[in-house]
Amino acid sequence: MAAARLVFLGPPGSGKGTQATQISEFCGVPHISTGAILRSSVAQGTELGKKAQFYMDAGELVPDELILGLIRERLGADDTQSGWILDGFPRNVEQANFLDVLLQEMDQPCDCVVNLDVPDEVVVSRMLLRGEQEGRADDNQATIRNRLEVYRQQTEPLIAFYRNRQQLVSVDGNQPVDLVTEELKKIVHG
């Protein structure tokens, strides 16, 4: 299979992580989740983790400068040479511009940007359930609603940004997981 370099967009709870994991295994490329990297840093009590914890607890986006260094370092790792799937990055147009420059420097152009489209009410119910199942304190009604509002303001403009560049493919994320995965496999295969 040819190199796959994909960016997954969608609101929190849209299934980006689940689908990125499936497609990562299908393509044999690493799934790079900024959320997982951040949660790991918080759990380890690293300097970045302590700074990020403040923002995450409030349901705010972690500032760009904390994220950009992580992404640069991670995309430079040996396992990304044949491709990667970015999940949770970029989150705004400034980050998308940073990513463009970085990928040009690394000669690793993005193949496709996938937007998982899921209605807000579905997202809220999914995230409340996840919060109960995983004991995630950041998955409560008020924080979820705030995260959706932050998403609408800061991340949604990326959809237009990538659509204008003919890089965006939207997928209905409000269907059974395996159907979403099949649709994504068809996109990756071309």
C-alpha atoms as a PDB file:
ATOM      1  CA  MET A   1       0.000   0.000   0.000  1.00  0.00           C
ATOM      2  CA  ALA A   2       1.240   3.476  -0.844  1.00  0.00           C
ATOM      3  CA  ALA A   3       2.041   6.020   1.834  1.00  0.00           C
ATOM      4  CA  ALA A   4      -1.027   7.406   3.577  1.00  0.00           C
ATOM      5  CA  ARG A   5      -0.819  10.856   5.117  1.00  0.00           C
ATOM      6  CA  LEU A   6      -4.209  11.776   6.495  1.00  0.00           C
ATOM      7  CA  VAL A   7      -5.665  14.433   8.774  1.00  0.00           C
ATOM      8  CA  PHE A   8      -8.859  13.590  10.684  1.00  0.00           C
ATOM      9  CA  LEU A   9     -11.202  16.456  11.597  1.00  0.00           C
ATOM     10  CA  GLY A  10     -14.493  16.417  13.455  1.00  0.00           C
ATOM     11  CA  PRO A  11     -15.998  17.550  16.735  1.00  0.00           C
ATOM     12  CA  PRO A  12     -14.911  15.958  20.020  1.00  0.00           C
ATOM     13  CA  GLY A  13     -16.644  12.586  20.309  1.00  0.00           C
ATOM     14  CA  SER A  14     -17.129  12.206  16.539  1.00  0.00           C
ATOM     15  CA  GLY A  15     -15.111   8.980  16.466  1.00  0.00           C
ATOM     16  CA  LYS A  16     -11.838  10.421  15.149  1.00  0.00           C
ATOM     17  CA  GLY A  17      -9.710   8.356  17.543  1.00  0.00           C
ATOM     18  CA  THR A  18     -11.595   5.116  16.888  1.00  0.00           C
ATOM     19  CA  GLN A  19     -11.483   5.550  13.117  1.00  0.00           C
ATOM     20  CA  ALA A  20      -7.886   6.773  13.054  1.00  0.00           C
ATOM     21  CA  THR A  21      -6.868   3.631  14.961  1.00  0.00           C
ATOM     22  CA  GLN A  22      -8.712   1.394  12.464  1.00  0.00           C
ATOM     23  CA  ILE A  23      -7.268   3.124   9.399  1.00  0.00           C
ATOM     24  CA  SER A  24      -3.814   3.254  10.995  1.00  0.00           C
ATOM     25  CA  GLU A  25      -3.858  -0.544  11.301  1.00  0.00           C
ATOM     26  CA  PHE A  26      -5.308  -0.921   7.787  1.00  0.00           C
ATOM     27  CA  CYS A  27      -2.552   1.248   6.246  1.00  0.00           C
ATOM     28  CA  GLY A  28       0.271   0.236   8.576  1.00  0.00           C
ATOM     29  CA  VAL A  29       1.076   3.815   9.566  1.00  0.00           C
ATOM     30  CA  PRO A  30       1.157   5.460  13.017  1.00  0.00           C
ATOM     31  CA  HIS A  31      -1.943   7.102  14.478  1.00  0.00           C
ATOM     32  CA  ILE A  32      -0.763  10.373  15.986  1.00  0.00           C
ATOM     33  CA  SER A  33      -3.284  11.711  18.483  1.00  0.00           C
ATOM     34  CA  THR A  34      -2.502  15.019  20.127  1.00  0.00           C
ATOM     35  CA  GLY A  35      -5.099  14.190  22.794  1.00  0.00           C
ATOM     36  CA  ALA A  36      -3.330  10.941  23.711  1.00  0.00           C
ATOM     37  CA  ILE A  37       0.081  12.657  23.701  1.00  0.00           C
ATOM     38  CA  LEU A  38      -1.288  15.386  25.988  1.00  0.00           C
ATOM     39  CA  ARG A  39      -3.059  12.966  28.363  1.00  0.00           C
ATOM     40  CA  SER A  40       0.155  10.951  28.595  1.00  0.00           C
ATOM     41  CA  SER A  41       2.126  14.119  29.428  1.00  0.00           C
ATOM     42  CA  VAL A  42      -0.444  15.036  32.098  1.00  0.00           C
ATOM     43  CA  ALA A  43      -0.322  11.531  33.610  1.00  0.00           C
ATOM     44  CA  GLN A  44       3.489  11.629  33.673  1.00  0.00           C
ATOM     45  CA  GLY A  45       3.439  15.095  35.238  1.00  0.00           C
ATOM     46  CA  THR A  46       5.775  16.537  32.606  1.00  0.00           C
ATOM     47  CA  GLU A  47       6.209  20.298  32.309  1.00  0.00           C
ATOM     48  CA  LEU A  48       4.059  20.306  29.157  1.00  0.00           C
ATOM     49  CA  GLY A  49       1.512  18.091  30.913  1.00  0.00           C
ATOM     50  CA  LYS A  50       1.178  20.469  33.862  1.00  0.00           C
ATOM     51  CA  LYS A  51       0.652  23.432  31.545  1.00  0.00           C
ATOM     52  CA  ALA A  52      -1.817  21.490  29.387  1.00  0.00           C
ATOM     53  CA  GLN A  53      -3.814  20.197  32.396  1.00  0.00           C
ATOM     54  CA  PHE A  54      -5.035  23.696  33.235  1.00  0.00           C
ATOM     55  CA  TYR A  55      -6.544  24.163  29.768  1.00  0.00           C
ATOM     56  CA  MET A  56      -7.915  20.626  29.478  1.00  0.00           C
ATOM     57  CA  ASP A  57      -9.703  20.833  32.840  1.00  0.00           C
ATOM     58  CA  ALA A  58     -11.483  23.975  31.640  1.00  0.00           C
ATOM     59  CA  GLY A  59     -12.445  22.384  28.313  1.00  0.00           C
ATOM     60  CA  GLU A  60     -10.238  24.888  26.457  1.00  0.00           C
ATOM     61  CA  LEU A  61      -7.868  24.100  23.610  1.00  0.00           C
ATOM     62  CA  VAL A  62      -4.242  23.717  24.647  1.00  0.00           C
ATOM     63  CA  PRO A  63      -2.285  26.707  23.216  1.00  0.00           C
ATOM     64  CA  ASP A  64      -0.575  26.286  19.864  1.00  0.00           C
ATOM     65  CA  GLU A  65       2.973  26.720  21.153  1.00  0.00           C
ATOM     66  CA  LEU A  66       2.567  23.672  23.420  1.00  0.00           C
ATOM     67  CA  ILE A  67       1.194  21.563  20.551  1.00  0.00           C
ATOM     68  CA  LEU A  68       3.462  22.646  17.686  1.00  0.00           C
ATOM     69  CA  GLY A  69       6.661  21.350  19.274  1.00  0.00           C
ATOM     70  CA  LEU A  70       5.020  17.971  19.924  1.00  0.00           C
ATOM     71  CA  ILE A  71       3.856  17.655  16.322  1.00  0.00           C
ATOM     72  CA  ARG A  72       7.212  18.652  14.829  1.00  0.00           C
ATOM     73  CA  GLU A  73       8.995  16.102  17.031  1.00  0.00           C
ATOM     74  CA  ARG A  74       6.464  13.312  16.366  1.00  0.00           C
ATOM     75  CA  LEU A  75       6.371  13.724  12.571  1.00  0.00           C
ATOM     76  CA  GLY A  76      10.153  13.586  12.539  1.00  0.00           C
ATOM     77  CA  ALA A  77      10.203  10.097  14.099  1.00  0.00           C
ATOM     78  CA  ASP A  78      11.372   7.109  12.038  1.00  0.00           C
ATOM     79  CA  ASP A  79       7.976   5.359  11.975  1.00  0.00           C
ATOM     80  CA  THR A  80       6.306   8.238  10.064  1.00  0.00           C
ATOM     81  CA  GLN A  81       8.336   7.929   6.868  1.00  0.00           C
ATOM     82  CA  SER A  82       5.723   5.776   5.088  1.00  0.00           C
ATOM     83  CA  GLY A  83       2.800   7.861   6.353  1.00  0.00           C
ATOM     84  CA  TRP A  84       0.751   8.915   9.359  1.00  0.00           C
ATOM     85  CA  ILE A  85      -2.720   9.799  10.530  1.00  0.00           C
ATOM     86  CA  LEU A  86      -3.108  13.029  12.498  1.00  0.00           C
ATOM     87  CA  ASP A  87      -6.044  13.072  14.904  1.00  0.00           C
ATOM     88  CA  GLY A  88      -6.758  16.280  16.814  1.00  0.00           C
ATOM     89  CA  PHE A  89      -4.346  18.435  14.834  1.00  0.00           C
ATOM     90  CA  PRO A  90      -4.594  20.929  13.270  1.00  0.00           C
ATOM     91  CA  ARG A  91      -7.325  22.581  15.347  1.00  0.00           C
ATOM     92  CA  ASN A  92      -7.288  26.019  13.736  1.00  0.00           C
ATOM     93  CA  VAL A  93      -6.192  27.688  10.514  1.00  0.00           C
ATOM     94  CA  GLU A  94      -2.916  28.927  12.075  1.00  0.00           C
ATOM     95  CA  GLN A  95      -2.005  25.332  12.986  1.00  0.00           C
ATOM     96  CA  ALA A  96      -2.964  24.226   9.459  1.00  0.00           C
ATOM     97  CA  ASN A  97      -0.579  26.809   8.007  1.00  0.00           C
ATOM     98  CA  PHE A  98       2.168  25.607  10.407  1.00  0.00           C
ATOM     99  CA  LEU A  99       1.482  22.017   9.325  1.00  0.00           C
ATOM    100  CA  ASP A 100       1.709  23.004   5.638  1.00  0.00           C
ATOM    101  CA  VAL A 101       5.143  24.552   6.154  1.00  0.00           C
ATOM    102  CA  LEU A 102       6.329  21.613   8.266  1.00  0.00           C
ATOM    103  CA  LEU A 103       5.151  19.025   5.722  1.00  0.00           C
ATOM    104  CA  GLN A 104       6.846  20.937   2.883  1.00  0.00           C
ATOM    105  CA  GLU A 105      10.088  21.018   4.901  1.00  0.00           C
ATOM    106  CA  MET A 106       9.801  17.264   5.507  1.00  0.00           C
ATOM    107  CA  ASP A 107       8.637  16.496   1.952  1.00  0.00           C
ATOM    108  CA  GLN A 108       5.582  14.667   3.346  1.00  0.00           C
ATOM    109  CA  PRO A 109       2.508  16.190   1.664  1.00  0.00           C
ATOM    110  CA  CYS A 110      -0.902  15.457   3.166  1.00  0.00           C
ATOM    111  CA  ASP A 111      -2.967  13.129   0.933  1.00  0.00           C
ATOM    112  CA  CYS A 112      -6.416  13.861   2.293  1.00  0.00           C
ATOM    113  CA  VAL A 113      -8.303  15.613   5.098  1.00  0.00           C
ATOM    114  CA  VAL A 114     -11.264  13.612   6.421  1.00  0.00           C
ATOM    115  CA  ASN A 115     -14.083  15.391   8.239  1.00  0.00           C
ATOM    116  CA  LEU A 116     -16.260  13.139  10.417  1.00  0.00           C
ATOM    117  CA  ASP A 117     -19.619  14.853  10.480  1.00  0.00           C
ATOM    118  CA  VAL A 118     -21.725  14.133  13.605  1.00  0.00           C
ATOM    119  CA  PRO A 119     -24.650  16.165  15.056  1.00  0.00           C
ATOM    120  CA  ASP A 120     -24.026  17.913  18.397  1.00  0.00           C
ATOM    121  CA  GLU A 121     -26.646  15.921  20.348  1.00  0.00           C
ATOM    122  CA  VAL A 122     -25.075  12.639  19.229  1.00  0.00           C
ATOM    123  CA  VAL A 123     -21.639  13.950  20.259  1.00  0.00           C
ATOM    124  CA  VAL A 124     -22.910  14.947  23.729  1.00  0.00           C
ATOM    125  CA  SER A 125     -24.527  11.566  24.399  1.00  0.00           C
ATOM    126  CA  ARG A 126     -21.451   9.672  23.125  1.00  0.00           C
ATOM    127  CA  MET A 127     -19.104  11.717  25.296  1.00  0.00           C
ATOM    128  CA  LEU A 128     -21.249  11.402  28.421  1.00  0.00           C
ATOM    129  CA  LEU A 129     -21.229   7.635  27.942  1.00  0.00           C
ATOM    130  CA  ARG A 130     -17.451   7.633  27.366  1.00  0.00           C
ATOM    131  CA  GLY A 131     -16.991   9.717  30.508  1.00  0.00           C
ATOM    132  CA  GLU A 132     -18.918   7.147  32.542  1.00  0.00           C
ATOM    133  CA  GLN A 133     -17.134   4.173  30.985  1.00  0.00           C
ATOM    134  CA  GLU A 134     -13.597   5.576  31.158  1.00  0.00           C
ATOM    135  CA  GLY A 135     -13.957   7.736  34.259  1.00  0.00           C
ATOM    136  CA  ARG A 136     -12.816  10.815  32.325  1.00  0.00           C
ATOM    137  CA  ALA A 137     -13.539  13.886  34.432  1.00  0.00           C
ATOM    138  CA  ASP A 138     -13.371  16.111  31.349  1.00  0.00           C
ATOM    139  CA  ASP A 139     -16.439  14.369  29.841  1.00  0.00           C
ATOM    140  CA  ASN A 140     -19.281  16.086  31.722  1.00  0.00           C
ATOM    141  CA  GLN A 141     -22.229  17.985  30.236  1.00  0.00           C
ATOM    142  CA  ALA A 142     -20.899  21.536  30.841  1.00  0.00           C
ATOM    143  CA  THR A 143     -17.365  20.768  29.648  1.00  0.00           C
ATOM    144  CA  ILE A 144     -18.652  18.884  26.587  1.00  0.00           C
ATOM    145  CA  ARG A 145     -20.904  21.800  25.588  1.00  0.00           C
ATOM    146  CA  ASN A 146     -17.978  24.200  26.068  1.00  0.00           C
ATOM    147  CA  ARG A 147     -15.681  21.982  23.976  1.00  0.00           C
ATOM    148  CA  LEU A 148     -18.279  21.938  21.181  1.00  0.00           C
ATOM    149  CA  GLU A 149     -18.543  25.736  21.298  1.00  0.00           C
ATOM    150  CA  VAL A 150     -14.738  26.077  21.185  1.00  0.00           C
ATOM    151  CA  TYR A 151     -14.710  23.596  18.286  1.00  0.00           C
ATOM    152  CA  ARG A 152     -17.312  25.616  16.355  1.00  0.00           C
ATOM    153  CA  GLN A 153     -15.373  28.861  16.818  1.00  0.00           C
ATOM    154  CA  GLN A 154     -11.814  27.659  16.285  1.00  0.00           C
ATOM    155  CA  THR A 155     -11.800  24.364  14.411  1.00  0.00           C
ATOM    156  CA  GLU A 156     -14.799  24.529  12.086  1.00  0.00           C
ATOM    157  CA  PRO A 157     -13.110  27.174   9.834  1.00  0.00           C
ATOM    158  CA  LEU A 158     -10.641  24.399   8.900  1.00  0.00           C
ATOM    159  CA  ILE A 159     -13.416  22.633   7.013  1.00  0.00           C
ATOM    160  CA  ALA A 160     -13.734  25.600   4.644  1.00  0.00           C
ATOM    161  CA  PHE A 161      -9.919  26.003   4.555  1.00  0.00           C
ATOM    162  CA  TYR A 162      -9.380  22.430   3.336  1.00  0.00           C
ATOM    163  CA  ARG A 163     -12.514  22.378   1.140  1.00  0.00           C
ATOM    164  CA  ASN A 164     -11.208  25.451  -0.725  1.00  0.00           C
ATOM    165  CA  ARG A 165      -7.979  23.547  -1.388  1.00  0.00           C
ATOM    166  CA  GLN A 166      -9.851  20.464  -2.671  1.00  0.00           C
ATOM    167  CA  GLN A 167      -8.330  18.335   0.112  1.00  0.00           C
ATOM    168  CA  LEU A 168     -11.492  17.731   2.187  1.00  0.00           C
ATOM    169  CA  VAL A 169     -13.629  14.584   2.184  1.00  0.00           C
ATOM    170  CA  SER A 170     -16.646  14.580   4.518  1.00  0.00           C
ATOM    171  CA  VAL A 171     -17.907  11.300   5.974  1.00  0.00           C
ATOM    172  CA  ASP A 172     -21.130  10.741   7.920  1.00  0.00           C
ATOM    173  CA  GLY A 173     -19.820   9.777  11.355  1.00  0.00           C
ATOM    174  CA  ASN A 174     -23.350   9.186  12.690  1.00  0.00           C
ATOM    175  CA  GLN A 175     -23.588   5.580  11.509  1.00  0.00           C
ATOM    176  CA  PRO A 176     -22.290   2.263  12.884  1.00  0.00           C
ATOM    177  CA  VAL A 177     -18.518   2.251  13.454  1.00  0.00           C
ATOM    178  CA  ASP A 178     -17.831  -0.511  10.914  1.00  0.00           C
ATOM    179  CA  LEU A 179     -19.716   1.354   8.151  1.00  0.00           C
ATOM    180  CA  VAL A 180     -17.677   4.510   8.811  1.00  0.00           C
ATOM    181  CA  THR A 181     -14.491   2.399   8.703  1.00  0.00           C
ATOM    182  CA  GLU A 182     -15.493   0.834   5.360  1.00  0.00           C
ATOM    183  CA  GLU A 183     -16.179   4.265   3.880  1.00  0.00           C
ATOM    184  CA  LEU A 184     -12.752   5.471   5.062  1.00  0.00           C
ATOM    185  CA  LYS A 185     -10.989   2.406   3.615  1.00  0.00           C
ATOM    186  CA  LYS A 186     -12.527   3.224   0.213  1.00  0.00           C
ATOM    187  CA  ILE A 187     -11.254   6.816   0.482  1.00  0.00           C
ATOM    188  CA  VAL A 188      -7.732   5.628   1.370  1.00  0.00           C
ATOM    189  CA  HIS A 189      -7.683   3.118  -1.482  1.00  0.00           C
ATOM    190  CA  GLY A 190      -8.767   5.806  -3.895  1.00  0.00           C
END
